[in-house]
Amino acid sequence: MGVPPPVTTAPSNRGGSISAETRINDRIRVPEVRLVGPNGEQVGIVRVEDALRLAVEADLDLVEVAPEARPPVCKLMDYGKFKYENAQKLRESRKNQQMTVVKEQKLRPKIDSHDYETKKGHVERFLKAGHKVKVTIMFRGREQSRPELGFRLLQRLGADVVDLGYVETSAKQDGRNMTMVLAPHKGAKTRVKAQQGVEAGNQPAPVAAEPVAPASEPAAVEATPAAAAAAPAPQQ
């Protein structure tokens, strides 16, 4: 009967396996730790018993913040407050990661004033709610030969809602349509930029100076018979 091979075991980690849950206080089972004070000051490498004693004296918790380090890094802190602040930060980050909603408004290049005000009201409501708005000008028939009508209408709409949003994507031709994207202001920077864009769009186009015709030479006067008779005869 053969001798069974010896059973080998992996060396044990006295600190235990790194779990998803943070280890605190007496759950930290290592001989020594690199200790950080409650205000971030470096205490140095100390025995875990001494670190726990300092935590009790300060009415704080000993929290393992870097278990992969050798020795592990632990910090004196209020663990309950630490968890609460982390939960608050997580909620804020999730709130900021909400999906951006893009609404759409369609206009005709020859829209009447009543319909324009209605459409503009929808755009204003979307921007106030924090949504982006894709504005589409739809051309039909002969209107396709007049893209400037759609461009001027988009410029007008952007100027009318400048207090609520700015032009994120300028007007561009898209087949038979022309589109522009408006976005709610992100702060004072976009407000100033939007206002400057409106002011630049309202500037009158420079008028080219008319060319000045060069001065013509005086025309020669044809002598009449009477003028020739009145002229003095040349001296001999």
Protein backbone atom coordinates (compact mmCIF):
# COMPACT_ATOMS: atom_id res chain seq x y z
CA MET A 1 0.00 0.00 0.00
CA GLY A 2 1.52 3.29 -1.09
CA VAL A 3 2.12 6.23 1.22
CA PRO A 4 -0.30 9.10 0.51
CA PRO A 5 1.35 12.35 -0.49
CA PRO A 6 1.68 14.96 2.24
CA VAL A 7 -1.13 17.50 2.41
CA THR A 8 0.10 21.04 1.90
CA THR A 9 -1.82 24.03 3.15
CA ALA A 10 -1.54 27.61 2.08
CA PRO A 11 0.01 29.94 4.61
CA SER A 12 -2.67 31.53 6.72
CA ASN A 13 -3.27 35.25 6.63
CA ARG A 14 -3.56 36.39 10.19
CA GLY A 15 -5.51 39.41 9.05
CA GLY A 16 -8.17 37.19 7.50
CA SER A 17 -9.54 37.38 3.99
CA ILE A 18 -10.51 40.79 2.68
CA SER A 19 -14.29 40.93 2.87
CA ALA A 20 -16.64 43.36 1.20
CA GLU A 21 -17.59 44.69 4.62
CA THR A 22 -15.17 47.07 6.30
CA ARG A 23 -13.54 45.59 9.39
CA ILE A 24 -13.62 47.67 12.55
CA ASN A 25 -12.44 47.39 16.15
CA ASP A 26 -12.03 43.79 17.40
CA ARG A 27 -12.70 42.38 13.91
CA ILE A 28 -9.25 43.56 12.92
CA ARG A 29 -7.11 40.51 13.63
CA VAL A 30 -3.52 41.44 12.77
CA PRO A 31 -0.58 41.92 15.12
CA GLU A 32 0.11 45.51 14.11
CA VAL A 33 -1.35 48.29 11.97
CA ARG A 34 -0.26 51.57 10.45
CA LEU A 35 -2.38 54.01 12.43
CA VAL A 36 -3.83 57.30 11.18
CA GLY A 37 -5.29 59.74 13.69
CA PRO A 38 -8.80 61.25 13.51
CA ASN A 39 -7.48 64.41 11.84
CA GLY A 40 -5.35 62.55 9.29
CA GLU A 41 -2.12 62.71 11.24
CA GLN A 42 0.29 59.78 10.84
CA VAL A 43 0.79 57.96 14.16
CA GLY A 44 2.93 55.18 12.68
CA ILE A 45 3.05 51.40 13.05
CA VAL A 46 1.64 50.29 16.41
CA ARG A 47 0.37 47.07 17.94
CA VAL A 48 -3.30 46.48 17.27
CA GLU A 49 -3.97 46.35 21.04
CA ASP A 50 -2.53 49.86 21.42
CA ALA A 51 -4.58 51.13 18.48
CA LEU A 52 -7.76 49.73 20.02
CA ARG A 53 -6.92 51.33 23.36
CA LEU A 54 -6.46 54.73 21.67
CA ALA A 55 -9.82 54.30 19.93
CA VAL A 56 -11.58 53.60 23.24
CA GLU A 57 -9.90 56.58 24.93
CA ALA A 58 -11.02 58.91 22.09
CA ASP A 59 -14.53 57.39 22.00
CA LEU A 60 -13.97 56.49 18.34
CA ASP A 61 -13.75 53.38 16.18
CA LEU A 62 -10.67 51.74 14.75
CA VAL A 63 -11.50 51.31 11.05
CA GLU A 64 -9.44 49.36 8.52
CA VAL A 65 -9.22 51.65 5.48
CA ALA A 66 -6.50 49.87 3.45
CA PRO A 67 -6.58 46.12 4.19
CA GLU A 68 -4.30 45.29 1.25
CA ALA A 69 -1.40 47.26 2.72
CA ARG A 70 1.25 45.57 4.83
CA PRO A 71 0.66 46.28 7.62
CA PRO A 72 -2.99 47.28 7.04
CA VAL A 73 -3.81 50.96 7.41
CA CYS A 74 -6.36 51.79 10.10
CA LYS A 75 -7.87 55.11 11.06
CA LEU A 76 -9.53 56.45 14.19
CA MET A 77 -12.97 57.78 13.24
CA ASP A 78 -16.67 57.81 14.03
CA TYR A 79 -17.70 54.89 11.85
CA GLY A 80 -21.43 55.62 12.06
CA LYS A 81 -20.90 59.17 10.80
CA PHE A 82 -18.53 57.87 8.11
CA LYS A 83 -21.17 55.44 6.76
CA TYR A 84 -23.85 58.15 6.78
CA GLU A 85 -21.69 60.60 4.81
CA ASN A 86 -20.80 57.91 2.27
CA ALA A 87 -24.49 57.08 1.78
CA GLN A 88 -25.23 60.77 1.19
CA LYS A 89 -22.48 61.01 -1.42
CA LEU A 90 -23.80 57.90 -3.18
CA ARG A 91 -27.31 59.34 -3.36
CA GLU A 92 -25.99 62.60 -4.79
CA SER A 93 -23.95 60.81 -7.45
CA ARG A 94 -26.98 58.74 -8.49
CA LYS A 95 -29.09 61.88 -8.70
CA ASN A 96 -26.53 63.50 -11.01
CA GLN A 97 -26.45 60.40 -13.23
CA GLN A 98 -30.11 60.63 -14.21
CA MET A 99 -30.80 59.98 -17.87
CA THR A 100 -30.96 63.13 -19.99
CA VAL A 101 -34.37 63.56 -21.62
CA VAL A 102 -34.53 65.17 -25.07
CA LYS A 103 -37.90 66.59 -26.08
CA GLU A 104 -38.77 67.63 -29.64
CA GLN A 105 -40.73 70.50 -31.14
CA LYS A 106 -41.55 70.71 -34.86
CA LEU A 107 -42.25 73.98 -36.65
CA ARG A 108 -43.01 75.08 -40.18
CA PRO A 109 -40.90 77.90 -41.70
CA LYS A 110 -44.04 80.01 -42.32
CA ILE A 111 -45.63 79.41 -38.91
CA ASP A 112 -48.15 82.05 -37.79
CA SER A 113 -47.60 84.09 -34.64
CA HIS A 114 -50.21 82.25 -32.53
CA ASP A 115 -48.76 78.81 -33.27
CA TYR A 116 -45.25 80.14 -32.71
CA GLU A 117 -46.14 81.39 -29.22
CA THR A 118 -47.70 78.00 -28.42
CA LYS A 119 -44.61 76.11 -29.56
CA LYS A 120 -42.33 78.52 -27.73
CA GLY A 121 -44.32 77.93 -24.54
CA HIS A 122 -43.70 74.18 -24.86
CA VAL A 123 -39.97 74.78 -25.32
CA GLU A 124 -39.87 77.04 -22.26
CA ARG A 125 -41.67 74.43 -20.17
CA PHE A 126 -39.24 71.70 -21.23
CA LEU A 127 -36.20 73.85 -20.43
CA LYS A 128 -37.59 74.78 -17.01
CA ALA A 129 -37.99 71.06 -16.28
CA GLY A 130 -34.28 70.52 -17.09
CA HIS A 131 -34.83 68.79 -20.45
CA LYS A 132 -33.02 69.39 -23.72
CA VAL A 133 -35.14 70.34 -26.73
CA LYS A 134 -34.55 69.38 -30.35
CA VAL A 135 -36.25 71.95 -32.57
CA THR A 136 -37.01 70.78 -36.11
CA ILE A 137 -38.04 73.03 -39.00
CA MET A 138 -39.92 70.99 -41.63
CA PHE A 139 -39.69 72.22 -45.24
CA ARG A 140 -42.18 71.21 -47.90
CA GLY A 141 -42.29 71.80 -51.62
CA ARG A 142 -40.84 75.13 -52.67
CA GLU A 143 -39.96 75.94 -49.06
CA GLN A 144 -36.89 73.76 -49.51
CA SER A 145 -35.36 76.46 -51.70
CA ARG A 146 -35.64 78.98 -48.81
CA PRO A 147 -33.51 77.54 -45.98
CA GLU A 148 -32.89 81.06 -44.66
CA LEU A 149 -36.51 81.12 -43.44
CA GLY A 150 -35.86 78.18 -41.14
CA PHE A 151 -32.51 79.57 -40.01
CA ARG A 152 -34.04 82.93 -39.04
CA LEU A 153 -36.88 81.17 -37.20
CA LEU A 154 -34.41 79.10 -35.15
CA GLN A 155 -32.39 82.21 -34.36
CA ARG A 156 -35.55 83.95 -33.19
CA LEU A 157 -36.53 81.04 -30.95
CA GLY A 158 -33.05 80.83 -29.43
CA ALA A 159 -33.17 84.55 -28.64
CA ASP A 160 -36.67 84.30 -27.14
CA VAL A 161 -35.67 81.57 -24.64
CA VAL A 162 -32.17 82.87 -23.87
CA ASP A 163 -33.06 83.31 -20.18
CA LEU A 164 -33.87 79.59 -19.86
CA GLY A 165 -31.44 77.83 -22.18
CA TYR A 166 -28.65 78.09 -24.71
CA VAL A 167 -27.98 76.68 -28.17
CA GLU A 168 -26.07 73.45 -27.60
CA THR A 169 -26.08 72.40 -31.27
CA SER A 170 -26.35 75.15 -33.88
CA ALA A 171 -28.84 75.03 -36.74
CA LYS A 172 -27.91 72.52 -39.44
CA GLN A 173 -29.62 71.08 -42.49
CA ASP A 174 -30.79 67.47 -42.14
CA GLY A 175 -32.31 66.35 -45.41
CA ARG A 176 -35.58 68.22 -45.84
CA ASN A 177 -35.43 69.46 -42.27
CA MET A 178 -33.31 71.88 -40.27
CA THR A 179 -32.55 71.10 -36.63
CA MET A 180 -31.17 72.86 -33.56
CA VAL A 181 -30.73 71.59 -29.99
CA LEU A 182 -31.43 73.80 -26.96
CA ALA A 183 -30.24 72.86 -23.46
CA PRO A 184 -31.06 74.34 -20.04
CA HIS A 185 -28.41 76.61 -18.56
CA LYS A 186 -25.69 74.97 -16.48
CA GLY A 187 -24.78 78.18 -14.70
CA ALA A 188 -23.73 81.76 -15.26
CA LYS A 189 -21.18 80.77 -17.91
CA THR A 190 -23.74 79.43 -20.39
CA ARG A 191 -26.09 82.36 -19.69
CA VAL A 192 -23.41 84.88 -20.61
CA LYS A 193 -22.41 82.89 -23.69
CA ALA A 194 -26.03 82.62 -24.86
CA GLN A 195 -26.62 86.35 -24.36
CA GLN A 196 -23.47 87.18 -26.31
CA GLY A 197 -24.66 84.94 -29.14
CA VAL A 198 -28.01 86.75 -29.28
CA GLU A 199 -26.31 90.15 -29.31
CA ALA A 200 -23.99 89.05 -32.09
CA GLY A 201 -26.96 87.79 -34.10
CA ASN A 202 -28.73 91.14 -33.74
CA GLN A 203 -25.80 93.14 -35.09
CA PRO A 204 -26.60 94.64 -38.50
CA ALA A 205 -24.54 93.35 -41.35
CA PRO A 206 -21.76 95.75 -42.38
CA VAL A 207 -22.66 97.85 -45.42
CA ALA A 208 -20.03 97.87 -48.11
CA ALA A 209 -18.93 101.34 -49.12
CA GLU A 210 -19.95 102.34 -52.61
CA PRO A 211 -16.97 102.73 -54.97
CA VAL A 212 -16.13 106.34 -55.75
CA ALA A 213 -15.90 107.06 -59.46
CA PRO A 214 -12.61 108.65 -60.46
CA ALA A 215 -12.77 112.33 -61.27
CA SER A 216 -13.17 112.88 -65.02
CA GLU A 217 -11.04 115.37 -66.89
CA PRO A 218 -12.84 118.52 -68.04
CA ALA A 219 -14.17 118.06 -71.52
CA ALA A 220 -12.65 120.14 -74.27
CA VAL A 221 -14.88 123.01 -75.42
CA GLU A 222 -15.36 123.20 -79.15
CA ALA A 223 -14.69 126.71 -80.44
CA THR A 224 -17.66 128.36 -82.08
CA PRO A 225 -17.29 130.78 -85.03
CA ALA A 226 -18.19 133.74 -82.80
CA ALA A 227 -15.58 132.78 -80.26
CA ALA A 228 -12.99 132.35 -82.97
CA ALA A 229 -13.72 135.87 -84.32
CA ALA A 230 -13.46 137.36 -80.82
CA ALA A 231 -10.07 135.82 -80.19
CA PRO A 232 -7.13 138.23 -80.84
CA ALA A 233 -5.07 137.53 -83.95
CA PRO A 234 -1.54 136.30 -83.35
CA GLN A 235 1.16 138.99 -83.70
CA GLN A 236 3.49 138.84 -86.70
